[in-house]
Amino acid sequence: MQEIERFFGNLFSGIINRFKYSAMDAADRKMRETIDDRLEQRRQKPKPEDREDRE
């Protein structure tokens, strides 16, 4: 009986961990995409102050 409980406990634990890590991975990927997008927007918009400093 304990072997059956251990088997199903490990099975459900594995499934839950897979979903948890999948969700964490998706959130991490989305955060990195957002940061990359914001950095790209900043690179495309030169600041007026920077132009004045260079002259």
PDB file of N, CA and C in Angstrom:
ATOM      1  N   MET A   1       0.824  -1.201   0.000  1.00  0.00           N
ATOM      2  CA  MET A   1       0.000   0.000   0.000  1.00  0.00           C
ATOM      3  C   MET A   1       0.870   1.268   0.000  1.00  0.00           C
ATOM      4  N   GLN A   2       1.945   1.257   0.775  1.00  0.00           N
ATOM      5  CA  GLN A   2       2.823   2.418   0.825  1.00  0.00           C
ATOM      6  C   GLN A   2       3.508   2.641  -0.519  1.00  0.00           C
ATOM      7  N   GLU A   3       3.809   1.565  -1.215  1.00  0.00           N
ATOM      8  CA  GLU A   3       4.448   1.707  -2.524  1.00  0.00           C
ATOM      9  C   GLU A   3       3.517   2.394  -3.516  1.00  0.00           C
ATOM     10  N   ILE A   4       2.241   2.063  -3.442  1.00  0.00           N
ATOM     11  CA  ILE A   4       1.247   2.691  -4.327  1.00  0.00           C
ATOM     12  C   ILE A   4       1.119   4.176  -3.989  1.00  0.00           C
ATOM     13  N   GLU A   5       1.055   4.485  -2.702  1.00  0.00           N
ATOM     14  CA  GLU A   5       0.961   5.884  -2.279  1.00  0.00           C
ATOM     15  C   GLU A   5       2.199   6.657  -2.715  1.00  0.00           C
ATOM     16  N   ARG A   6       3.353   6.061  -2.558  1.00  0.00           N
ATOM     17  CA  ARG A   6       4.607   6.700  -2.958  1.00  0.00           C
ATOM     18  C   ARG A   6       4.632   6.925  -4.472  1.00  0.00           C
ATOM     19  N   PHE A   7       4.174   5.914  -5.228  1.00  0.00           N
ATOM     20  CA  PHE A   7       4.148   6.028  -6.684  1.00  0.00           C
ATOM     21  C   PHE A   7       3.272   7.195  -7.130  1.00  0.00           C
ATOM     22  N   PHE A   8       2.024   7.248  -6.608  1.00  0.00           N
ATOM     23  CA  PHE A   8       1.121   8.323  -7.014  1.00  0.00           C
ATOM     24  C   PHE A   8       1.580   9.675  -6.472  1.00  0.00           C
ATOM     25  N   GLY A   9       2.179   9.682  -5.297  1.00  0.00           N
ATOM     26  CA  GLY A   9       2.718  10.930  -4.746  1.00  0.00           C
ATOM     27  C   GLY A   9       3.820  11.478  -5.633  1.00  0.00           C
ATOM     28  N   ASN A  10       4.717  10.603  -6.060  1.00  0.00           N
ATOM     29  CA  ASN A  10       5.797  11.037  -6.952  1.00  0.00           C
ATOM     30  C   ASN A  10       5.255  11.469  -8.311  1.00  0.00           C
ATOM     31  N   LEU A  11       4.267  10.730  -8.810  1.00  0.00           N
ATOM     32  CA  LEU A  11       3.672  11.064 -10.098  1.00  0.00           C
ATOM     33  C   LEU A  11       3.036  12.446 -10.065  1.00  0.00           C
ATOM     34  N   PHE A  12       2.187  12.699  -9.071  1.00  0.00           N
ATOM     35  CA  PHE A  12       1.521  13.999  -8.980  1.00  0.00           C
ATOM     36  C   PHE A  12       2.519  15.117  -8.674  1.00  0.00           C
ATOM     37  N   SER A  13       3.500  14.820  -7.868  1.00  0.00           N
ATOM     38  CA  SER A  13       4.527  15.811  -7.571  1.00  0.00           C
ATOM     39  C   SER A  13       5.280  16.198  -8.843  1.00  0.00           C
ATOM     40  N   GLY A  14       5.602  15.209  -9.651  1.00  0.00           N
ATOM     41  CA  GLY A  14       6.297  15.477 -10.913  1.00  0.00           C
ATOM     42  C   GLY A  14       5.467  16.313 -11.860  1.00  0.00           C
ATOM     43  N   ILE A  15       4.182  16.004 -11.931  1.00  0.00           N
ATOM     44  CA  ILE A  15       3.289  16.764 -12.814  1.00  0.00           C
ATOM     45  C   ILE A  15       3.166  18.210 -12.331  1.00  0.00           C
ATOM     46  N   ILE A  16       2.980  18.383 -11.041  1.00  0.00           N
ATOM     47  CA  ILE A  16       2.848  19.736 -10.479  1.00  0.00           C
ATOM     48  C   ILE A  16       4.130  20.532 -10.698  1.00  0.00           C
ATOM     49  N   ASN A  17       5.283  19.905 -10.459  1.00  0.00           N
ATOM     50  CA  ASN A  17       6.553  20.601 -10.672  1.00  0.00           C
ATOM     51  C   ASN A  17       6.740  20.993 -12.128  1.00  0.00           C
ATOM     52  N   ARG A  18       6.325  20.127 -13.042  1.00  0.00           N
ATOM     53  CA  ARG A  18       6.460  20.443 -14.464  1.00  0.00           C
ATOM     54  C   ARG A  18       5.640  21.677 -14.810  1.00  0.00           C
ATOM     55  N   PHE A  19       4.389  21.751 -14.314  1.00  0.00           N
ATOM     56  CA  PHE A  19       3.563  22.928 -14.582  1.00  0.00           C
ATOM     57  C   PHE A  19       4.137  24.174 -13.920  1.00  0.00           C
ATOM     58  N   LYS A  20       4.637  23.999 -12.702  1.00  0.00           N
ATOM     59  CA  LYS A  20       5.186  25.141 -11.974  1.00  0.00           C
ATOM     60  C   LYS A  20       6.402  25.703 -12.696  1.00  0.00           C
ATOM     61  N   TYR A  21       7.322  24.841 -13.097  1.00  0.00           N
ATOM     62  CA  TYR A  21       8.521  25.318 -13.780  1.00  0.00           C
ATOM     63  C   TYR A  21       8.207  25.842 -15.164  1.00  0.00           C
ATOM     64  N   SER A  22       7.202  25.265 -15.820  1.00  0.00           N
ATOM     65  CA  SER A  22       6.777  25.768 -17.127  1.00  0.00           C
ATOM     66  C   SER A  22       6.231  27.183 -16.987  1.00  0.00           C
ATOM     67  N   ALA A  23       5.424  27.423 -15.978  1.00  0.00           N
ATOM     68  CA  ALA A  23       4.863  28.759 -15.747  1.00  0.00           C
ATOM     69  C   ALA A  23       5.964  29.751 -15.379  1.00  0.00           C
ATOM     70  N   MET A  24       6.909  29.319 -14.550  1.00  0.00           N
ATOM     71  CA  MET A  24       8.020  30.195 -14.183  1.00  0.00           C
ATOM     72  C   MET A  24       8.863  30.533 -15.401  1.00  0.00           C
ATOM     73  N   ASP A  25       9.092  29.556 -16.253  1.00  0.00           N
ATOM     74  CA  ASP A  25       9.875  29.764 -17.467  1.00  0.00           C
ATOM     75  C   ASP A  25       9.175  30.746 -18.400  1.00  0.00           C
ATOM     76  N   ALA A  26       7.865  30.597 -18.537  1.00  0.00           N
ATOM     77  CA  ALA A  26       7.102  31.503 -19.397  1.00  0.00           C
ATOM     78  C   ALA A  26       7.144  32.930 -18.852  1.00  0.00           C
ATOM     79  N   ALA A  27       7.013  33.081 -17.540  1.00  0.00           N
ATOM     80  CA  ALA A  27       7.065  34.411 -16.927  1.00  0.00           C
ATOM     81  C   ALA A  27       8.449  35.028 -17.112  1.00  0.00           C
ATOM     82  N   ASP A  28       9.486  34.235 -16.951  1.00  0.00           N
ATOM     83  CA  ASP A  28      10.859  34.713 -17.139  1.00  0.00           C
ATOM     84  C   ASP A  28      11.086  35.152 -18.577  1.00  0.00           C
ATOM     85  N   ARG A  29      10.592  34.346 -19.526  1.00  0.00           N
ATOM     86  CA  ARG A  29      10.742  34.682 -20.939  1.00  0.00           C
ATOM     87  C   ARG A  29      10.020  35.993 -21.260  1.00  0.00           C
ATOM     88  N   LYS A  30       8.808  36.167 -20.737  1.00  0.00           N
ATOM     89  CA  LYS A  30       8.024  37.376 -20.983  1.00  0.00           C
ATOM     90  C   LYS A  30       8.723  38.592 -20.387  1.00  0.00           C
ATOM     91  N   MET A  31       9.295  38.444 -19.196  1.00  0.00           N
ATOM     92  CA  MET A  31      10.006  39.551 -18.561  1.00  0.00           C
ATOM     93  C   MET A  31      11.216  39.959 -19.391  1.00  0.00           C
ATOM     94  N   ARG A  32      11.966  38.982 -19.883  1.00  0.00           N
ATOM     95  CA  ARG A  32      13.137  39.296 -20.712  1.00  0.00           C
ATOM     96  C   ARG A  32      12.742  39.968 -22.020  1.00  0.00           C
ATOM     97  N   GLU A  33      11.639  39.519 -22.634  1.00  0.00           N
ATOM     98  CA  GLU A  33      11.161  40.149 -23.868  1.00  0.00           C
ATOM     99  C   GLU A  33      10.777  41.601 -23.607  1.00  0.00           C
ATOM    100  N   THR A  34      10.102  41.852 -22.493  1.00  0.00           N
ATOM    101  CA  THR A  34       9.692  43.212 -22.152  1.00  0.00           C
ATOM    102  C   THR A  34      10.907  44.101 -21.943  1.00  0.00           C
ATOM    103  N   ILE A  35      11.895  43.603 -21.232  1.00  0.00           N
ATOM    104  CA  ILE A  35      13.116  44.378 -20.995  1.00  0.00           C
ATOM    105  C   ILE A  35      13.827  44.651 -22.317  1.00  0.00           C
ATOM    106  N   ASP A  36      13.938  43.639 -23.168  1.00  0.00           N
ATOM    107  CA  ASP A  36      14.585  43.823 -24.466  1.00  0.00           C
ATOM    108  C   ASP A  36      13.848  44.853 -25.309  1.00  0.00           C
ATOM    109  N   ASP A  37      12.506  44.799 -25.290  1.00  0.00           N
ATOM    110  CA  ASP A  37      11.715  45.770 -26.054  1.00  0.00           C
ATOM    111  C   ASP A  37      11.953  47.189 -25.555  1.00  0.00           C
ATOM    112  N   ARG A  38      11.991  47.352 -24.254  1.00  0.00           N
ATOM    113  CA  ARG A  38      12.207  48.694 -23.695  1.00  0.00           C
ATOM    114  C   ARG A  38      13.610  49.211 -24.005  1.00  0.00           C
ATOM    115  N   LEU A  39      14.589  48.338 -23.936  1.00  0.00           N
ATOM    116  CA  LEU A  39      15.950  48.755 -24.284  1.00  0.00           C
ATOM    117  C   LEU A  39      16.036  49.142 -25.755  1.00  0.00           C
ATOM    118  N   GLU A  40      15.380  48.395 -26.603  1.00  0.00           N
ATOM    119  CA  GLU A  40      15.376  48.697 -28.036  1.00  0.00           C
ATOM    120  C   GLU A  40      14.692  50.036 -28.301  1.00  0.00           C
ATOM    121  N   GLN A  41      13.606  50.318 -27.584  1.00  0.00           N
ATOM    122  CA  GLN A  41      12.922  51.608 -27.745  1.00  0.00           C
ATOM    123  C   GLN A  41      13.828  52.751 -27.316  1.00  0.00           C
ATOM    124  N   ARG A  42      14.576  52.562 -26.256  1.00  0.00           N
ATOM    125  CA  ARG A  42      15.484  53.620 -25.786  1.00  0.00           C
ATOM    126  C   ARG A  42      16.615  53.854 -26.780  1.00  0.00           C
ATOM    127  N   ARG A  43      17.094  52.786 -27.418  1.00  0.00           N
ATOM    128  CA  ARG A  43      18.162  52.941 -28.407  1.00  0.00           C
ATOM    129  C   ARG A  43      17.670  53.695 -29.635  1.00  0.00           C
ATOM    130  N   GLN A  44      16.407  53.496 -29.992  1.00  0.00           N
ATOM    131  CA  GLN A  44      15.875  54.125 -31.194  1.00  0.00           C
ATOM    132  C   GLN A  44      15.549  55.600 -30.978  1.00  0.00           C
ATOM    133  N   LYS A  45      15.306  56.010 -29.755  1.00  0.00           N
ATOM    134  CA  LYS A  45      14.971  57.408 -29.461  1.00  0.00           C
ATOM    135  C   LYS A  45      16.193  58.102 -28.866  1.00  0.00           C
ATOM    136  N   PRO A  46      16.940  58.846 -29.663  1.00  0.00           N
ATOM    137  CA  PRO A  46      18.074  59.577 -29.070  1.00  0.00           C
ATOM    138  C   PRO A  46      17.557  60.727 -28.207  1.00  0.00           C
ATOM    139  N   LYS A  47      18.185  60.920 -27.082  1.00  0.00           N
ATOM    140  CA  LYS A  47      17.770  61.987 -26.180  1.00  0.00           C
ATOM    141  C   LYS A  47      18.286  63.325 -26.708  1.00  0.00           C
ATOM    142  N   PRO A  48      17.475  64.382 -26.624  1.00  0.00           N
ATOM    143  CA  PRO A  48      17.944  65.699 -27.077  1.00  0.00           C
ATOM    144  C   PRO A  48      19.169  66.163 -26.301  1.00  0.00           C
ATOM    145  N   GLU A  49      19.237  65.792 -25.025  1.00  0.00           N
ATOM    146  CA  GLU A  49      20.381  66.195 -24.203  1.00  0.00           C
ATOM    147  C   GLU A  49      21.677  65.612 -24.765  1.00  0.00           C
ATOM    148  N   ASP A  50      21.613  64.360 -25.256  1.00  0.00           N
ATOM    149  CA  ASP A  50      22.800  63.721 -25.791  1.00  0.00           C
ATOM    150  C   ASP A  50      23.317  64.471 -27.016  1.00  0.00           C
ATOM    151  N   ARG A  51      22.426  64.928 -27.861  1.00  0.00           N
ATOM    152  CA  ARG A  51      22.852  65.651 -29.071  1.00  0.00           C
ATOM    153  C   ARG A  51      23.537  66.944 -28.701  1.00  0.00           C
ATOM    154  N   GLU A  52      23.014  67.655 -27.703  1.00  0.00           N
ATOM    155  CA  GLU A  52      23.617  68.910 -27.275  1.00  0.00           C
ATOM    156  C   GLU A  52      24.999  68.687 -26.687  1.00  0.00           C
ATOM    157  N   ASP A  53      25.155  67.614 -25.914  1.00  0.00           N
ATOM    158  CA  ASP A  53      26.441  67.330 -25.304  1.00  0.00           C
ATOM    159  C   ASP A  53      27.508  67.025 -26.328  1.00  0.00           C
ATOM    160  N   ARG A  54      27.133  66.415 -27.425  1.00  0.00           N
ATOM    161  CA  ARG A  54      28.108  66.019 -28.445  1.00  0.00           C
ATOM    162  C   ARG A  54      28.568  67.203 -29.274  1.00  0.00           C
ATOM    163  N   GLU A  55      27.769  68.271 -29.378  1.00  0.00           N
ATOM    164  CA  GLU A  55      28.147  69.416 -30.219  1.00  0.00           C
ATOM    165  C   GLU A  55      29.223  70.270 -29.629  1.00  0.00           C
TER     166      GLU A  55
END
